[in-house]
Amino acid sequence: MQIAVLTFDGFNELDSFVAAAILNRLKVKGFAAYITSPTPEVTSLNGVTVQRQRPLEFASDADAVLIGSGMRTLEIVADQALLSGILLDPARQLVGAQCSGTLLLAKLGLLGDLPACTDLTTKPWVVEAGVEVLDQPFVAHGNVATAGGCLASQYLAAWTIARLAGLREAQEAIHYVAPVGEKAAYVAQALAAITPFLPDAASAAAA
């Protein structure tokens, strides 16, 4: 499974790196998450400069795309040339966004009238874009998910794994990265956040 972790200048390290690291725990299952950027290098909000692993165009072909946040998101959503190069299709891809990445999804027209999650700083801009913001860390509607808060990146990663490989694989991935002595609690919390929004849960609720 090829996964694009969209990462722009001013990015939040926790969003991009935590999600990518958890997803890449499944390399033996064929998962590969890549830092995907419009420029050869991007610098984080704390001054960490990294080289991209894939160009922005890669996102169009990826099985899943996760969009992190950053301090320059308002500039990004105002750049129509850049937005036109982000071609995503929830009909055939999983698409997730975190914090100000949710604003990017809204501007791309991928949220419509669906309620979403974001961080407290970004909330007014997402509301202004016409999206209802939920007071919770994670929500998914079909193939589109949003999360709020830096550490909610684990939920986006777990949801992506659950959708592409199964809930057991997601549980094992979170168990691996969780703190010693708190693994059961971390796994339970992650599963509580994502399982109501998995296809099987939706089917069970309708039964």
Protein backbone atom coordinates (compact mmCIF):
# COMPACT_ATOMS: atom_id res chain seq x y z
CA MET A 1 0.00 0.00 0.00
CA GLN A 2 1.43 3.34 -1.08
CA ILE A 3 0.67 6.22 1.27
CA ALA A 4 1.39 9.91 0.70
CA VAL A 5 1.91 12.04 3.80
CA LEU A 6 1.43 15.54 2.42
CA THR A 7 3.95 17.82 4.07
CA PHE A 8 4.36 21.53 3.31
CA ASP A 9 6.71 24.27 4.46
CA GLY A 10 5.99 25.14 8.07
CA PHE A 11 4.74 21.62 8.78
CA ASN A 12 4.11 20.20 12.23
CA GLU A 13 6.62 17.40 12.83
CA LEU A 14 4.22 15.42 15.01
CA ASP A 15 1.63 15.22 12.24
CA SER A 16 3.88 14.03 9.44
CA PHE A 17 6.50 11.99 11.25
CA VAL A 18 4.33 10.16 13.78
CA ALA A 19 1.81 9.04 11.17
CA ALA A 20 4.51 8.01 8.70
CA ALA A 21 6.46 6.11 11.36
CA ILE A 22 3.43 4.13 12.53
CA LEU A 23 2.37 3.30 8.97
CA ASN A 24 5.86 2.17 8.05
CA ARG A 25 5.75 -0.39 10.86
CA LEU A 26 3.81 -2.44 8.32
CA LYS A 27 6.51 -2.55 5.67
CA VAL A 28 6.47 -6.34 5.86
CA LYS A 29 2.79 -6.12 4.87
CA GLY A 30 3.62 -4.01 1.85
CA PHE A 31 2.94 -0.59 3.39
CA ALA A 32 5.14 2.34 2.41
CA ALA A 33 4.44 5.86 3.67
CA TYR A 34 6.36 8.72 2.06
CA ILE A 35 6.85 12.37 2.96
CA THR A 36 5.26 13.97 -0.09
CA SER A 37 5.85 17.63 -0.86
CA PRO A 38 5.55 20.21 -3.65
CA THR A 39 9.21 21.21 -3.25
CA PRO A 40 12.40 19.12 -2.93
CA GLU A 41 12.88 20.34 0.66
CA VAL A 42 10.45 21.51 3.33
CA THR A 43 11.19 23.11 6.68
CA SER A 44 9.08 22.48 9.75
CA LEU A 45 7.63 25.10 12.08
CA ASN A 46 10.58 24.38 14.39
CA GLY A 47 13.22 24.73 11.69
CA VAL A 48 13.78 21.07 10.81
CA THR A 49 14.51 20.76 7.08
CA VAL A 50 13.87 17.45 5.35
CA GLN A 51 14.04 16.19 1.80
CA ARG A 52 10.81 14.96 0.31
CA GLN A 53 10.55 11.29 -0.61
CA ARG A 54 7.92 11.77 -3.28
CA PRO A 55 6.69 14.77 -5.32
CA LEU A 56 3.19 16.16 -4.91
CA GLU A 57 1.98 14.30 -8.00
CA PHE A 58 2.48 11.01 -6.15
CA ALA A 59 -0.60 11.77 -4.05
CA SER A 60 -2.87 11.23 -7.06
CA ASP A 61 -1.76 7.61 -7.39
CA ALA A 62 -1.40 6.69 -3.71
CA ASP A 63 -3.76 4.26 -2.00
CA ALA A 64 -4.10 6.69 0.90
CA VAL A 65 -3.25 10.34 1.47
CA LEU A 66 -2.79 11.97 4.87
CA ILE A 67 -2.52 15.74 5.14
CA GLY A 68 -0.74 17.17 8.15
CA SER A 69 -0.94 20.69 9.52
CA GLY A 70 1.47 23.57 9.66
CA MET A 71 1.84 27.27 10.28
CA ARG A 72 1.57 28.21 6.58
CA THR A 73 -1.73 26.52 5.76
CA LEU A 74 -3.52 29.82 5.15
CA GLU A 75 -0.92 30.62 2.48
CA ILE A 76 -1.30 27.16 0.97
CA VAL A 77 -5.08 27.31 0.67
CA ALA A 78 -4.78 30.73 -0.97
CA ASP A 79 -2.39 29.36 -3.62
CA GLN A 80 -4.71 28.22 -6.41
CA ALA A 81 -1.85 26.93 -8.53
CA LEU A 82 -0.74 24.67 -5.68
CA LEU A 83 -4.28 23.52 -4.89
CA SER A 84 -4.87 22.61 -8.53
CA GLY A 85 -1.95 20.18 -8.30
CA ILE A 86 -3.50 18.26 -5.39
CA LEU A 87 -5.72 15.75 -7.18
CA LEU A 88 -7.41 13.42 -4.73
CA ASP A 89 -10.30 11.01 -5.27
CA PRO A 90 -12.03 9.57 -2.18
CA ALA A 91 -13.88 7.14 -4.44
CA ARG A 92 -10.65 5.18 -4.86
CA GLN A 93 -8.38 6.55 -2.12
CA LEU A 94 -8.45 6.93 1.63
CA VAL A 95 -8.03 10.61 2.47
CA GLY A 96 -7.25 11.88 5.95
CA ALA A 97 -6.36 15.28 7.35
CA GLN A 98 -5.27 16.62 10.69
CA CYS A 99 -5.66 20.02 12.31
CA SER A 100 -5.13 22.72 9.67
CA GLY A 101 -4.97 19.97 7.06
CA THR A 102 -8.76 19.83 7.54
CA LEU A 103 -8.97 23.36 6.16
CA LEU A 104 -7.09 22.18 3.09
CA LEU A 105 -9.61 19.36 2.61
CA ALA A 106 -12.44 21.88 2.89
CA LYS A 107 -10.88 24.16 0.30
CA LEU A 108 -10.39 21.17 -2.02
CA GLY A 109 -14.12 20.50 -1.77
CA LEU A 110 -13.68 17.07 -0.21
CA LEU A 111 -15.71 17.69 2.94
CA GLY A 112 -18.86 19.20 1.51
CA ASP A 113 -21.40 19.47 4.33
CA LEU A 114 -19.80 16.72 6.42
CA PRO A 115 -18.80 17.60 10.00
CA ALA A 116 -15.07 17.39 10.67
CA CYS A 117 -12.38 17.54 13.34
CA THR A 118 -9.58 20.06 13.61
CA ASP A 119 -7.49 21.85 16.24
CA LEU A 120 -8.69 24.81 18.25
CA THR A 121 -6.53 27.33 16.37
CA THR A 122 -7.82 26.27 12.96
CA LYS A 123 -11.45 25.84 14.03
CA PRO A 124 -12.60 29.41 13.15
CA TRP A 125 -11.20 29.11 9.62
CA VAL A 126 -12.80 25.71 9.07
CA VAL A 127 -16.13 27.04 10.34
CA GLU A 128 -15.74 30.04 8.04
CA ALA A 129 -15.26 27.57 5.17
CA GLY A 130 -18.72 26.23 5.94
CA VAL A 131 -17.78 23.08 7.86
CA GLU A 132 -19.23 22.07 11.21
CA VAL A 133 -16.41 21.29 13.65
CA LEU A 134 -16.90 18.47 16.14
CA ASP A 135 -15.55 18.50 19.70
CA GLN A 136 -13.80 15.14 19.34
CA PRO A 137 -10.39 13.87 18.16
CA PHE A 138 -11.42 11.83 15.12
CA VAL A 139 -14.25 11.31 12.68
CA ALA A 140 -14.56 9.52 9.35
CA HIS A 141 -17.22 9.52 6.67
CA GLY A 142 -16.58 6.67 4.28
CA ASN A 143 -13.10 7.17 2.83
CA VAL A 144 -12.56 10.66 4.29
CA ALA A 145 -11.29 11.16 7.84
CA THR A 146 -10.26 14.16 9.90
CA ALA A 147 -8.53 14.48 13.25
CA GLY A 148 -7.90 17.28 15.72
CA GLY A 149 -4.83 17.74 17.89
CA CYS A 150 -1.18 16.89 17.21
CA LEU A 151 -1.25 13.53 18.95
CA ALA A 152 -4.37 12.51 17.03
CA SER A 153 -1.97 11.52 14.24
CA GLN A 154 -1.98 8.04 15.80
CA TYR A 155 -5.71 7.83 15.12
CA LEU A 156 -5.31 8.72 11.45
CA ALA A 157 -2.56 6.12 11.13
CA ALA A 158 -4.60 3.48 12.96
CA TRP A 159 -7.68 4.18 10.82
CA THR A 160 -5.63 3.93 7.64
CA ILE A 161 -4.15 0.62 8.73
CA ALA A 162 -7.52 -0.74 9.82
CA ARG A 163 -9.07 0.17 6.48
CA LEU A 164 -6.23 -1.20 4.36
CA ALA A 165 -5.04 -4.18 6.41
CA GLY A 166 -7.56 -4.86 9.15
CA LEU A 167 -8.28 -3.89 12.73
CA ARG A 168 -5.87 -6.44 14.19
CA GLU A 169 -2.98 -4.91 12.27
CA ALA A 170 -3.95 -1.44 13.51
CA GLN A 171 -4.09 -2.71 17.08
CA GLU A 172 -0.64 -4.28 16.79
CA ALA A 173 0.86 -1.12 15.27
CA ILE A 174 -0.41 1.08 18.10
CA HIS A 175 0.64 -1.50 20.68
CA TYR A 176 4.19 -1.42 19.30
CA VAL A 177 4.63 2.35 19.59
CA ALA A 178 2.69 2.85 22.84
CA PRO A 179 4.61 3.48 26.09
CA VAL A 180 5.61 0.44 28.13
CA GLY A 181 3.16 -0.12 30.95
CA GLU A 182 0.44 1.81 29.12
CA LYS A 183 0.10 -0.25 25.96
CA ALA A 184 -3.34 -1.68 26.72
CA ALA A 185 -4.69 1.78 27.54
CA TYR A 186 -3.27 3.33 24.37
CA VAL A 187 -4.65 0.55 22.19
CA ALA A 188 -8.07 0.77 23.82
CA GLN A 189 -8.16 4.53 23.35
CA ALA A 190 -7.16 4.33 19.70
CA LEU A 191 -9.70 1.62 18.94
CA ALA A 192 -12.42 3.57 20.73
CA ALA A 193 -11.67 6.56 18.50
CA ILE A 194 -11.67 4.76 15.15
CA THR A 195 -13.88 1.67 15.33
CA PRO A 196 -17.22 3.53 15.24
CA PHE A 197 -16.18 4.84 11.83
CA LEU A 198 -15.06 1.60 10.21
CA PRO A 199 -17.30 0.01 7.54
CA ASP A 200 -18.08 -3.06 9.67
CA ALA A 201 -19.23 -0.83 12.54
CA ALA A 202 -21.53 1.09 10.21
CA SER A 203 -23.03 -2.17 8.94
CA ALA A 204 -23.56 -3.45 12.48
CA ALA A 205 -25.28 -0.20 13.53
CA ALA A 206 -27.66 -0.47 10.58
CA ALA A 207 -28.53 -4.11 11.31
